[in-house]
Full PDB file with SEQRES, HELIX, SHEET, SSBOND, CRYST1, ORIGX, SCALE, CONECT and MASTER records, all heavy atoms in Angstrom:
SEQRES   1 A   42  THR ALA LEU LEU ALA GLU HIS LEU ARG LEU THR LYS ALA          
SEQRES   2 A   42  TRP ARG ASN PRO ALA PHE ALA LEU ILE ALA VAL GLY GLY          
SEQRES   3 A   42  LEU LEU LEU PRO VAL PHE VAL TYR LEU ALA PRO ARG PHE          
SEQRES   4 A   42  GLY TYR PHE                                                  
HELIX    1 AA1 ALA A    2  HIS A    7  5                                   6    
HELIX    2 AA2 LYS A   12  PHE A   39  1                                  28    
CRYST1    1.000    1.000    1.000  90.00  90.00  90.00 P 1           1          
ORIGX1      1.000000  0.000000  0.000000        0.00000                         
ORIGX2      0.000000  1.000000  0.000000        0.00000                         
ORIGX3      0.000000  0.000000  1.000000        0.00000                         
SCALE1      1.000000  0.000000  0.000000        0.00000                         
SCALE2      0.000000  1.000000  0.000000        0.00000                         
SCALE3      0.000000  0.000000  1.000000        0.00000                         
ATOM      1  N   THR A   1     152.729  91.030  70.664  1.00  0.00           N  
ATOM      2  CA  THR A   1     151.383  91.215  70.106  1.00  0.00           C  
ATOM      3  C   THR A   1     150.434  91.723  71.177  1.00  0.00           C  
ATOM      4  O   THR A   1     149.616  92.625  70.931  1.00  0.00           O  
ATOM      5  CB  THR A   1     150.864  89.894  69.524  1.00  0.00           C  
ATOM      6  OG1 THR A   1     151.764  89.417  68.516  1.00  0.00           O  
ATOM      7  CG2 THR A   1     149.487  90.088  68.895  1.00  0.00           C  
ATOM      8  N   ALA A   2     150.528  91.168  72.381  1.00  0.00           N  
ATOM      9  CA  ALA A   2     149.654  91.611  73.469  1.00  0.00           C  
ATOM     10  C   ALA A   2     149.913  93.069  73.836  1.00  0.00           C  
ATOM     11  O   ALA A   2     148.978  93.825  74.119  1.00  0.00           O  
ATOM     12  CB  ALA A   2     149.858  90.717  74.696  1.00  0.00           C  
ATOM     13  N   LEU A   3     151.178  93.485  73.824  1.00  0.00           N  
ATOM     14  CA  LEU A   3     151.504  94.863  74.162  1.00  0.00           C  
ATOM     15  C   LEU A   3     150.978  95.860  73.123  1.00  0.00           C  
ATOM     16  O   LEU A   3     150.883  97.056  73.404  1.00  0.00           O  
ATOM     17  CB  LEU A   3     153.021  95.023  74.308  1.00  0.00           C  
ATOM     18  CG  LEU A   3     153.644  94.326  75.518  1.00  0.00           C  
ATOM     19  CD1 LEU A   3     155.158  94.426  75.476  1.00  0.00           C  
ATOM     20  CD2 LEU A   3     153.115  94.915  76.815  1.00  0.00           C  
ATOM     21  N   LEU A   4     150.634  95.366  71.949  1.00  0.00           N  
ATOM     22  CA  LEU A   4     150.091  96.227  70.903  1.00  0.00           C  
ATOM     23  C   LEU A   4     148.572  96.198  70.850  1.00  0.00           C  
ATOM     24  O   LEU A   4     147.974  96.788  69.946  1.00  0.00           O  
ATOM     25  CB  LEU A   4     150.652  95.796  69.536  1.00  0.00           C  
ATOM     26  CG  LEU A   4     152.134  96.086  69.309  1.00  0.00           C  
ATOM     27  CD1 LEU A   4     152.608  95.396  68.037  1.00  0.00           C  
ATOM     28  CD2 LEU A   4     152.357  97.584  69.211  1.00  0.00           C  
ATOM     29  N   ALA A   5     147.943  95.515  71.806  1.00  0.00           N  
ATOM     30  CA  ALA A   5     146.492  95.339  71.744  1.00  0.00           C  
ATOM     31  C   ALA A   5     145.746  96.663  71.696  1.00  0.00           C  
ATOM     32  O   ALA A   5     144.712  96.788  71.026  1.00  0.00           O  
ATOM     33  CB  ALA A   5     146.012  94.506  72.949  1.00  0.00           C  
ATOM     34  N   GLU A   6     146.252  97.685  72.412  1.00  0.00           N  
ATOM     35  CA  GLU A   6     145.554  98.977  72.439  1.00  0.00           C  
ATOM     36  C   GLU A   6     145.602  99.683  71.090  1.00  0.00           C  
ATOM     37  O   GLU A   6     144.836 100.615  70.846  1.00  0.00           O  
ATOM     38  CB  GLU A   6     146.175  99.912  73.492  1.00  0.00           C  
ATOM     39  CG  GLU A   6     146.276  99.321  74.882  1.00  0.00           C  
ATOM     40  CD  GLU A   6     147.720  98.982  75.210  1.00  0.00           C  
ATOM     41  OE1 GLU A   6     148.419  98.458  74.309  1.00  0.00           O  
ATOM     42  OE2 GLU A   6     148.147  99.226  76.344  1.00  0.00           O  
ATOM     43  N   HIS A   7     146.516  99.273  70.232  1.00  0.00           N  
ATOM     44  CA  HIS A   7     146.696  99.952  68.953  1.00  0.00           C  
ATOM     45  C   HIS A   7     146.028  99.197  67.801  1.00  0.00           C  
ATOM     46  O   HIS A   7     146.285  99.508  66.641  1.00  0.00           O  
ATOM     47  CB  HIS A   7     148.179 100.119  68.648  1.00  0.00           C  
ATOM     48  CG  HIS A   7     148.888 101.014  69.615  1.00  0.00           C  
ATOM     49  ND1 HIS A   7     148.737 102.387  69.626  1.00  0.00           N  
ATOM     50  CD2 HIS A   7     149.746 100.734  70.634  1.00  0.00           C  
ATOM     51  CE1 HIS A   7     149.470 102.910  70.591  1.00  0.00           C  
ATOM     52  NE2 HIS A   7     150.101 101.922  71.205  1.00  0.00           N  
ATOM     53  N   LEU A   8     145.193  98.231  68.106  1.00  0.00           N  
ATOM     54  CA  LEU A   8     144.542  97.453  67.058  1.00  0.00           C  
ATOM     55  C   LEU A   8     143.135  97.977  66.806  1.00  0.00           C  
ATOM     56  O   LEU A   8     142.336  98.105  67.740  1.00  0.00           O  
ATOM     57  CB  LEU A   8     144.490  95.970  67.443  1.00  0.00           C  
ATOM     58  CG  LEU A   8     145.839  95.266  67.599  1.00  0.00           C  
ATOM     59  CD1 LEU A   8     145.637  93.805  67.980  1.00  0.00           C  
ATOM     60  CD2 LEU A   8     146.652  95.371  66.329  1.00  0.00           C  
ATOM     61  N   ARG A   9     142.858  98.253  65.574  1.00  0.00           N  
ATOM     62  CA  ARG A   9     141.536  98.695  65.178  1.00  0.00           C  
ATOM     63  C   ARG A   9     140.699  97.453  64.848  1.00  0.00           C  
ATOM     64  O   ARG A   9     140.286  97.217  63.715  1.00  0.00           O  
ATOM     65  CB  ARG A   9     141.643  99.628  63.956  1.00  0.00           C  
ATOM     66  CG  ARG A   9     140.369 100.355  63.589  1.00  0.00           C  
ATOM     67  CD  ARG A   9     140.589 101.320  62.433  1.00  0.00           C  
ATOM     68  NE  ARG A   9     141.034 100.645  61.221  1.00  0.00           N  
ATOM     69  CZ  ARG A   9     142.264 100.682  60.742  1.00  0.00           C  
ATOM     70  NH1 ARG A   9     143.215 101.343  61.389  1.00  0.00           N  
ATOM     71  NH2 ARG A   9     142.589 100.042  59.636  1.00  0.00           N  
ATOM     72  N   LEU A  10     140.496  96.643  65.891  1.00  0.00           N  
ATOM     73  CA  LEU A  10     139.782  95.386  65.734  1.00  0.00           C  
ATOM     74  C   LEU A  10     138.731  95.251  66.825  1.00  0.00           C  
ATOM     75  O   LEU A  10     138.996  95.574  67.991  1.00  0.00           O  
ATOM     76  CB  LEU A  10     140.741  94.189  65.824  1.00  0.00           C  
ATOM     77  CG  LEU A  10     141.817  94.045  64.742  1.00  0.00           C  
ATOM     78  CD1 LEU A  10     142.785  92.930  65.122  1.00  0.00           C  
ATOM     79  CD2 LEU A  10     141.184  93.758  63.394  1.00  0.00           C  
ATOM     80  N   THR A  11     137.565  94.768  66.470  1.00  0.00           N  
ATOM     81  CA  THR A  11     136.567  94.443  67.486  1.00  0.00           C  
ATOM     82  C   THR A  11     136.949  93.125  68.152  1.00  0.00           C  
ATOM     83  O   THR A  11     137.818  92.391  67.663  1.00  0.00           O  
ATOM     84  CB  THR A  11     135.175  94.310  66.849  1.00  0.00           C  
ATOM     85  OG1 THR A  11     135.186  93.205  65.944  1.00  0.00           O  
ATOM     86  CG2 THR A  11     134.777  95.590  66.116  1.00  0.00           C  
ATOM     87  N   LYS A  12     136.276  92.825  69.257  1.00  0.00           N  
ATOM     88  CA  LYS A  12     136.563  91.566  69.941  1.00  0.00           C  
ATOM     89  C   LYS A  12     136.325  90.371  69.032  1.00  0.00           C  
ATOM     90  O   LYS A  12     137.007  89.340  69.150  1.00  0.00           O  
ATOM     91  CB  LYS A  12     135.691  91.446  71.197  1.00  0.00           C  
ATOM     92  CG  LYS A  12     136.096  92.374  72.328  1.00  0.00           C  
ATOM     93  CD  LYS A  12     135.213  92.132  73.541  1.00  0.00           C  
ATOM     94  CE  LYS A  12     135.621  93.040  74.704  1.00  0.00           C  
ATOM     95  NZ  LYS A  12     134.775  92.819  75.905  1.00  0.00           N  
ATOM     96  N   ALA A  13     135.360  90.486  68.135  1.00  0.00           N  
ATOM     97  CA  ALA A  13     135.030  89.378  67.241  1.00  0.00           C  
ATOM     98  C   ALA A  13     136.195  89.034  66.311  1.00  0.00           C  
ATOM     99  O   ALA A  13     136.292  87.900  65.826  1.00  0.00           O  
ATOM    100  CB  ALA A  13     133.785  89.722  66.418  1.00  0.00           C  
ATOM    101  N   TRP A  14     137.091  90.015  66.059  1.00  0.00           N  
ATOM    102  CA  TRP A  14     138.271  89.759  65.240  1.00  0.00           C  
ATOM    103  C   TRP A  14     139.525  89.590  66.099  1.00  0.00           C  
ATOM    104  O   TRP A  14     140.356  88.719  65.835  1.00  0.00           O  
ATOM    105  CB  TRP A  14     138.492  90.919  64.261  1.00  0.00           C  
ATOM    106  CG  TRP A  14     137.579  90.866  63.078  1.00  0.00           C  
ATOM    107  CD1 TRP A  14     136.400  91.531  62.911  1.00  0.00           C  
ATOM    108  CD2 TRP A  14     137.772  90.092  61.889  1.00  0.00           C  
ATOM    109  NE1 TRP A  14     135.843  91.233  61.704  1.00  0.00           N  
ATOM    110  CE2 TRP A  14     136.673  90.356  61.040  1.00  0.00           C  
ATOM    111  CE3 TRP A  14     138.769  89.226  61.444  1.00  0.00           C  
ATOM    112  CZ2 TRP A  14     136.538  89.760  59.791  1.00  0.00           C  
ATOM    113  CZ3 TRP A  14     138.650  88.632  60.194  1.00  0.00           C  
ATOM    114  CH2 TRP A  14     137.544  88.905  59.390  1.00  0.00           C  
ATOM    115  N   ARG A  15     139.657  90.441  67.128  1.00  0.00           N  
ATOM    116  CA  ARG A  15     140.874  90.430  67.922  1.00  0.00           C  
ATOM    117  C   ARG A  15     141.037  89.122  68.693  1.00  0.00           C  
ATOM    118  O   ARG A  15     142.120  88.509  68.668  1.00  0.00           O  
ATOM    119  CB  ARG A  15     140.870  91.613  68.890  1.00  0.00           C  
ATOM    120  CG  ARG A  15     142.176  91.753  69.686  1.00  0.00           C  
ATOM    121  CD  ARG A  15     142.041  92.854  70.717  1.00  0.00           C  
ATOM    122  NE  ARG A  15     141.080  92.516  71.739  1.00  0.00           N  
ATOM    123  CZ  ARG A  15     140.162  93.346  72.230  1.00  0.00           C  
ATOM    124  NH1 ARG A  15     140.079  94.579  71.765  1.00  0.00           N  
ATOM    125  NH2 ARG A  15     139.317  92.950  73.168  1.00  0.00           N  
ATOM    126  N   ASN A  16     140.011  88.690  69.391  1.00  0.00           N  
ATOM    127  CA  ASN A  16     140.135  87.495  70.224  1.00  0.00           C  
ATOM    128  C   ASN A  16     140.450  86.231  69.413  1.00  0.00           C  
ATOM    129  O   ASN A  16     141.321  85.448  69.801  1.00  0.00           O  
ATOM    130  CB  ASN A  16     138.878  87.304  71.068  1.00  0.00           C  
ATOM    131  CG  ASN A  16     138.750  88.359  72.149  1.00  0.00           C  
ATOM    132  OD1 ASN A  16     139.716  89.057  72.446  1.00  0.00           O  
ATOM    133  ND2 ASN A  16     137.564  88.495  72.731  1.00  0.00           N  
ATOM    134  N   PRO A  17     139.765  85.988  68.274  1.00  0.00           N  
ATOM    135  CA  PRO A  17     140.158  84.822  67.467  1.00  0.00           C  
ATOM    136  C   PRO A  17     141.587  84.922  66.936  1.00  0.00           C  
ATOM    137  O   PRO A  17     142.297  83.910  66.867  1.00  0.00           O  
ATOM    138  CB  PRO A  17     139.135  84.835  66.319  1.00  0.00           C  
ATOM    139  CG  PRO A  17     137.949  85.542  66.870  1.00  0.00           C  
ATOM    140  CD  PRO A  17     138.518  86.592  67.771  1.00  0.00           C  
ATOM    141  N   ALA A  18     142.020  86.148  66.551  1.00  0.00           N  
ATOM    142  CA  ALA A  18     143.391  86.303  66.057  1.00  0.00           C  
ATOM    143  C   ALA A  18     144.394  85.966  67.158  1.00  0.00           C  
ATOM    144  O   ALA A  18     145.377  85.249  66.926  1.00  0.00           O  
ATOM    145  CB  ALA A  18     143.608  87.732  65.560  1.00  0.00           C  
ATOM    146  N   PHE A  19     144.145  86.487  68.362  1.00  0.00           N  
ATOM    147  CA  PHE A  19     145.026  86.164  69.483  1.00  0.00           C  
ATOM    148  C   PHE A  19     144.991  84.675  69.800  1.00  0.00           C  
ATOM    149  O   PHE A  19     146.015  84.074  70.142  1.00  0.00           O  
ATOM    150  CB  PHE A  19     144.613  86.971  70.712  1.00  0.00           C  
ATOM    151  CG  PHE A  19     145.034  88.423  70.668  1.00  0.00           C  
ATOM    152  CD1 PHE A  19     145.604  88.962  69.531  1.00  0.00           C  
ATOM    153  CD2 PHE A  19     144.851  89.247  71.768  1.00  0.00           C  
ATOM    154  CE1 PHE A  19     145.991  90.295  69.477  1.00  0.00           C  
ATOM    155  CE2 PHE A  19     145.235  90.583  71.737  1.00  0.00           C  
ATOM    156  CZ  PHE A  19     145.804  91.108  70.591  1.00  0.00           C  
ATOM    157  N   ALA A  20     143.811  84.070  69.704  1.00  0.00           N  
ATOM    158  CA  ALA A  20     143.691  82.637  69.983  1.00  0.00           C  
ATOM    159  C   ALA A  20     144.478  81.813  68.971  1.00  0.00           C  
ATOM    160  O   ALA A  20     145.130  80.819  69.331  1.00  0.00           O  
ATOM    161  CB  ALA A  20     142.225  82.219  69.975  1.00  0.00           C  
ATOM    162  N   LEU A  21     144.427  82.217  67.696  1.00  0.00           N  
ATOM    163  CA  LEU A  21     145.192  81.498  66.675  1.00  0.00           C  
ATOM    164  C   LEU A  21     146.687  81.570  66.963  1.00  0.00           C  
ATOM    165  O   LEU A  21     147.412  80.566  66.848  1.00  0.00           O  
ATOM    166  CB  LEU A  21     144.902  82.087  65.297  1.00  0.00           C  
ATOM    167  CG  LEU A  21     143.541  81.778  64.680  1.00  0.00           C  
ATOM    168  CD1 LEU A  21     143.358  82.567  63.388  1.00  0.00           C  
ATOM    169  CD2 LEU A  21     143.392  80.288  64.411  1.00  0.00           C  
ATOM    170  N   ILE A  22     147.166  82.757  67.352  1.00  0.00           N  
ATOM    171  CA  ILE A  22     148.586  82.922  67.669  1.00  0.00           C  
ATOM    172  C   ILE A  22     148.964  82.069  68.876  1.00  0.00           C  
ATOM    173  O   ILE A  22     150.015  81.405  68.889  1.00  0.00           O  
ATOM    174  CB  ILE A  22     148.903  84.403  67.922  1.00  0.00           C  
ATOM    175  CG1 ILE A  22     148.706  85.219  66.632  1.00  0.00           C  
ATOM    176  CG2 ILE A  22     150.331  84.579  68.439  1.00  0.00           C  
ATOM    177  CD1 ILE A  22     148.795  86.714  66.835  1.00  0.00           C  
ATOM    178  N   ALA A  23     148.097  82.073  69.897  1.00  0.00           N  
ATOM    179  CA  ALA A  23     148.395  81.322  71.121  1.00  0.00           C  
ATOM    180  C   ALA A  23     148.370  79.810  70.864  1.00  0.00           C  
ATOM    181  O   ALA A  23     149.304  79.092  71.251  1.00  0.00           O  
ATOM    182  CB  ALA A  23     147.396  81.688  72.217  1.00  0.00           C  
ATOM    183  N   VAL A  24     147.320  79.329  70.200  1.00  0.00           N  
ATOM    184  CA  VAL A  24     147.191  77.890  69.964  1.00  0.00           C  
ATOM    185  C   VAL A  24     148.319  77.401  69.054  1.00  0.00           C  
ATOM    186  O   VAL A  24     148.981  76.392  69.335  1.00  0.00           O  
ATOM    187  CB  VAL A  24     145.817  77.562  69.345  1.00  0.00           C  
ATOM    188  CG1 VAL A  24     145.760  76.112  68.895  1.00  0.00           C  
ATOM    189  CG2 VAL A  24     144.711  77.838  70.354  1.00  0.00           C  
ATOM    190  N   GLY A  25     148.550  78.133  67.954  1.00  0.00           N  
ATOM    191  CA  GLY A  25     149.629  77.731  67.056  1.00  0.00           C  
ATOM    192  C   GLY A  25     150.992  77.795  67.718  1.00  0.00           C  
ATOM    193  O   GLY A  25     151.820  76.887  67.559  1.00  0.00           O  
ATOM    194  N   GLY A  26     151.240  78.867  68.495  1.00  0.00           N  
ATOM    195  CA  GLY A  26     152.521  79.014  69.165  1.00  0.00           C  
ATOM    196  C   GLY A  26     152.771  77.961  70.227  1.00  0.00           C  
ATOM    197  O   GLY A  26     153.912  77.546  70.453  1.00  0.00           O  
ATOM    198  N   LEU A  27     151.720  77.506  70.896  1.00  0.00           N  
ATOM    199  CA  LEU A  27     151.871  76.467  71.915  1.00  0.00           C  
ATOM    200  C   LEU A  27     152.041  75.084  71.299  1.00  0.00           C  
ATOM    201  O   LEU A  27     152.804  74.251  71.804  1.00  0.00           O  
ATOM    202  CB  LEU A  27     150.656  76.469  72.843  1.00  0.00           C  
ATOM    203  CG  LEU A  27     150.535  77.656  73.806  1.00  0.00           C  
ATOM    204  CD1 LEU A  27     149.171  77.653  74.476  1.00  0.00           C  
ATOM    205  CD2 LEU A  27     151.632  77.619  74.860  1.00  0.00           C  
ATOM    206  N   LEU A  28     151.315  74.816  70.204  1.00  0.00           N  
ATOM    207  CA  LEU A  28     151.334  73.477  69.620  1.00  0.00           C  
ATOM    208  C   LEU A  28     152.569  73.219  68.756  1.00  0.00           C  
ATOM    209  O   LEU A  28     153.062  72.092  68.719  1.00  0.00           O  
ATOM    210  CB  LEU A  28     150.071  73.255  68.779  1.00  0.00           C  
ATOM    211  CG  LEU A  28     148.760  73.123  69.546  1.00  0.00           C  
ATOM    212  CD1 LEU A  28     147.605  72.905  68.569  1.00  0.00           C  
ATOM    213  CD2 LEU A  28     148.827  71.977  70.549  1.00  0.00           C  
ATOM    214  N   LEU A  29     153.055  74.252  68.053  1.00  0.00           N  
ATOM    215  CA  LEU A  29     154.149  74.004  67.113  1.00  0.00           C  
ATOM    216  C   LEU A  29     155.396  73.417  67.786  1.00  0.00           C  
ATOM    217  O   LEU A  29     155.945  72.423  67.294  1.00  0.00           O  
ATOM    218  CB  LEU A  29     154.494  75.291  66.357  1.00  0.00           C  
ATOM    219  CG  LEU A  29     155.513  75.106  65.231  1.00  0.00           C  
ATOM    220  CD1 LEU A  29     155.164  75.957  64.015  1.00  0.00           C  
ATOM    221  CD2 LEU A  29     156.929  75.426  65.690  1.00  0.00           C  
ATOM    222  N   PRO A  30     155.887  73.973  68.908  1.00  0.00           N  
ATOM    223  CA  PRO A  30     157.069  73.358  69.530  1.00  0.00           C  
ATOM    224  C   PRO A  30     156.822  71.916  69.961  1.00  0.00           C  
ATOM    225  O   PRO A  30     157.730  71.078  69.882  1.00  0.00           O  
ATOM    226  CB  PRO A  30     157.334  74.259  70.751  1.00  0.00           C  
ATOM    227  CG  PRO A  30     156.694  75.557  70.413  1.00  0.00           C  
ATOM    228  CD  PRO A  30     155.478  75.208  69.623  1.00  0.00           C  
ATOM    229  N   VAL A  31     155.599  71.621  70.409  1.00  0.00           N  
ATOM    230  CA  VAL A  31     155.282  70.246  70.832  1.00  0.00           C  
ATOM    231  C   VAL A  31     155.346  69.301  69.642  1.00  0.00           C  
ATOM    232  O   VAL A  31     155.954  68.214  69.705  1.00  0.00           O  
ATOM    233  CB  VAL A  31     153.887  70.194  71.487  1.00  0.00           C  
ATOM    234  CG1 VAL A  31     153.506  68.751  71.816  1.00  0.00           C  
ATOM    235  CG2 VAL A  31     153.860  71.052  72.743  1.00  0.00           C  
ATOM    236  N   PHE A  32     154.736  69.692  68.531  1.00  0.00           N  
ATOM    237  CA  PHE A  32     154.741  68.837  67.344  1.00  0.00           C  
ATOM    238  C   PHE A  32     156.141  68.716  66.752  1.00  0.00           C  
ATOM    239  O   PHE A  32     156.511  67.662  66.225  1.00  0.00           O  
ATOM    240  CB  PHE A  32     153.764  69.377  66.303  1.00  0.00           C  
ATOM    241  CG  PHE A  32     152.316  69.174  66.654  1.00  0.00           C  
ATOM    242  CD1 PHE A  32     151.392  70.194  66.500  1.00  0.00           C  
ATOM    243  CD2 PHE A  32     151.876  67.959  67.146  1.00  0.00           C  
ATOM    244  CE1 PHE A  32     150.056  70.004  66.825  1.00  0.00           C  
ATOM    245  CE2 PHE A  32     150.541  67.748  67.480  1.00  0.00           C  
ATOM    246  CZ  PHE A  32     149.632  68.781  67.315  1.00  0.00           C  
ATOM    247  N   VAL A  33     156.925  69.790  66.806  1.00  0.00           N  
ATOM    248  CA  VAL A  33     158.310  69.726  66.332  1.00  0.00           C  
ATOM    249  C   VAL A  33     159.100  68.704  67.154  1.00  0.00           C  
ATOM    250  O   VAL A  33     159.892  67.920  66.608  1.00  0.00           O  
ATOM    251  CB  VAL A  33     158.973  71.114  66.409  1.00  0.00           C  
ATOM    252  CG1 VAL A  33     160.489  71.005  66.234  1.00  0.00           C  
ATOM    253  CG2 VAL A  33     158.411  72.037  65.331  1.00  0.00           C  
ATOM    254  N   TYR A  34     158.881  68.687  68.450  1.00  0.00           N  
ATOM    255  CA  TYR A  34     159.563  67.722  69.322  1.00  0.00           C  
ATOM    256  C   TYR A  34     159.148  66.287  68.996  1.00  0.00           C  
ATOM    257  O   TYR A  34     159.975  65.364  69.021  1.00  0.00           O  
ATOM    258  CB  TYR A  34     159.242  68.042  70.783  1.00  0.00           C  
ATOM    259  CG  TYR A  34     159.854  67.077  71.767  1.00  0.00           C  
ATOM    260  CD1 TYR A  34     161.183  67.197  72.153  1.00  0.00           C  
ATOM    261  CD2 TYR A  34     159.105  66.038  72.313  1.00  0.00           C  
ATOM    262  CE1 TYR A  34     161.759  66.314  73.047  1.00  0.00           C  
ATOM    263  CE2 TYR A  34     159.666  65.142  73.209  1.00  0.00           C  
ATOM    264  CZ  TYR A  34     160.986  65.286  73.572  1.00  0.00           C  
ATOM    265  OH  TYR A  34     161.545  64.395  74.453  1.00  0.00           O  
ATOM    266  N   LEU A  35     157.867  66.093  68.672  1.00  0.00           N  
ATOM    267  CA  LEU A  35     157.360  64.740  68.421  1.00  0.00           C  
ATOM    268  C   LEU A  35     157.699  64.226  67.030  1.00  0.00           C  
ATOM    269  O   LEU A  35     157.759  63.010  66.813  1.00  0.00           O  
ATOM    270  CB  LEU A  35     155.834  64.722  68.600  1.00  0.00           C  
ATOM    271  CG  LEU A  35     155.311  65.005  70.008  1.00  0.00           C  
ATOM    272  CD1 LEU A  35     153.788  65.072  69.999  1.00  0.00           C  
ATOM    273  CD2 LEU A  35     155.787  63.950  70.995  1.00  0.00           C  
ATOM    274  N   ALA A  36     157.939  65.135  66.070  1.00  0.00           N  
ATOM    275  CA  ALA A  36     158.103  64.731  64.672  1.00  0.00           C  
ATOM    276  C   ALA A  36     159.209  63.703  64.446  1.00  0.00           C  
ATOM    277  O   ALA A  36     158.970  62.675  63.785  1.00  0.00           O  
ATOM    278  CB  ALA A  36     158.322  65.962  63.799  1.00  0.00           C  
ATOM    279  N   PRO A  37     160.448  63.906  64.955  1.00  0.00           N  
ATOM    280  CA  PRO A  37     161.497  62.918  64.666  1.00  0.00           C  
ATOM    281  C   PRO A  37     161.297  61.598  65.397  1.00  0.00           C  
ATOM    282  O   PRO A  37     161.962  60.612  65.066  1.00  0.00           O  
ATOM    283  CB  PRO A  37     162.779  63.622  65.137  1.00  0.00           C  
ATOM    284  CG  PRO A  37     162.331  64.556  66.212  1.00  0.00           C  
ATOM    285  CD  PRO A  37     160.966  65.029  65.772  1.00  0.00           C  
ATOM    286  N   ARG A  38     160.409  61.586  66.360  1.00  0.00           N  
ATOM    287  CA  ARG A  38     160.188  60.371  67.145  1.00  0.00           C  
ATOM    288  C   ARG A  38     159.024  59.543  66.626  1.00  0.00           C  
ATOM    289  O   ARG A  38     159.023  58.324  66.764  1.00  0.00           O  
ATOM    290  CB  ARG A  38     159.944  60.755  68.618  1.00  0.00           C  
ATOM    291  CG  ARG A  38     161.193  61.326  69.274  1.00  0.00           C  
ATOM    292  CD  ARG A  38     160.872  62.113  70.525  1.00  0.00           C  
ATOM    293  NE  ARG A  38     162.100  62.553  71.197  1.00  0.00           N  
ATOM    294  CZ  ARG A  38     162.815  63.604  70.812  1.00  0.00           C  
ATOM    295  NH1 ARG A  38     162.418  64.328  69.780  1.00  0.00           N  
ATOM    296  NH2 ARG A  38     163.919  63.927  71.447  1.00  0.00           N  
ATOM    297  N   PHE A  39     158.014  60.201  66.033  1.00  0.00           N  
ATOM    298  CA  PHE A  39     156.804  59.476  65.649  1.00  0.00           C  
ATOM    299  C   PHE A  39     156.388  59.677  64.192  1.00  0.00           C  
ATOM    300  O   PHE A  39     155.315  59.232  63.795  1.00  0.00           O  
ATOM    301  CB  PHE A  39     155.643  59.882  66.566  1.00  0.00           C  
ATOM    302  CG  PHE A  39     155.909  59.601  68.017  1.00  0.00           C  
ATOM    303  CD1 PHE A  39     156.202  60.631  68.894  1.00  0.00           C  
ATOM    304  CD2 PHE A  39     155.891  58.303  68.519  1.00  0.00           C  
ATOM    305  CE1 PHE A  39     156.461  60.389  70.233  1.00  0.00           C  
ATOM    306  CE2 PHE A  39     156.150  58.047  69.844  1.00  0.00           C  
ATOM    307  CZ  PHE A  39     156.434  59.090  70.710  1.00  0.00           C  
ATOM    308  N   GLY A  40     157.198  60.386  63.396  1.00  0.00           N  
ATOM    309  CA  GLY A  40     156.927  60.406  61.967  1.00  0.00           C  
ATOM    310  C   GLY A  40     156.440  61.723  61.421  1.00  0.00           C  
ATOM    311  O   GLY A  40     156.254  62.714  62.126  1.00  0.00           O  
ATOM    312  N   TYR A  41     156.217  61.718  60.092  1.00  0.00           N  
ATOM    313  CA  TYR A  41     155.918  62.926  59.341  1.00  0.00           C  
ATOM    314  C   TYR A  41     154.541  63.507  59.652  1.00  0.00           C  
ATOM    315  O   TYR A  41     154.295  64.684  59.369  1.00  0.00           O  
ATOM    316  CB  TYR A  41     156.024  62.647  57.839  1.00  0.00           C  
ATOM    317  CG  TYR A  41     157.444  62.495  57.358  1.00  0.00           C  
ATOM    318  CD1 TYR A  41     157.820  61.406  56.577  1.00  0.00           C  
ATOM    319  CD2 TYR A  41     158.416  63.432  57.688  1.00  0.00           C  
ATOM    320  CE1 TYR A  41     159.130  61.268  56.141  1.00  0.00           C  
ATOM    321  CE2 TYR A  41     159.721  63.306  57.265  1.00  0.00           C  
ATOM    322  CZ  TYR A  41     160.072  62.219  56.481  1.00  0.00           C  
ATOM    323  OH  TYR A  41     161.368  62.080  56.056  1.00  0.00           O  
ATOM    324  N   PHE A  42     153.640  62.706  60.189  1.00  0.00           N  
ATOM    325  CA  PHE A  42     152.322  63.260  60.528  1.00  0.00           C  
ATOM    326  C   PHE A  42     152.466  64.421  61.506  1.00  0.00           C  
ATOM    327  O   PHE A  42     151.796  65.453  61.365  1.00  0.00           O  
ATOM    328  CB  PHE A  42     151.433  62.167  61.136  1.00  0.00           C  
ATOM    329  CG  PHE A  42     150.144  62.698  61.700  1.00  0.00           C  
ATOM    330  CD1 PHE A  42     149.106  63.069  60.861  1.00  0.00           C  
ATOM    331  CD2 PHE A  42     149.986  62.845  63.077  1.00  0.00           C  
ATOM    332  CE1 PHE A  42     147.913  63.571  61.386  1.00  0.00           C  
ATOM    333  CE2 PHE A  42     148.802  63.341  63.602  1.00  0.00           C  
ATOM    334  CZ  PHE A  42     147.763  63.700  62.753  1.00  0.00           C  
TER     335      PHE A  42                                                      
MASTER        0    0    0    2    0    0    0    6  334    1    0    4          
END                                                                             
């Protein structure tokens, strides 16, 4: 996604939040997946 940044017809107001969503979700999901079988369905 980062390598395609030059090809995005997005202003910073759209691009930066989109990248942030990908980064935050991508970082948190493996952590929560690891915790799920140990601490429950939450």
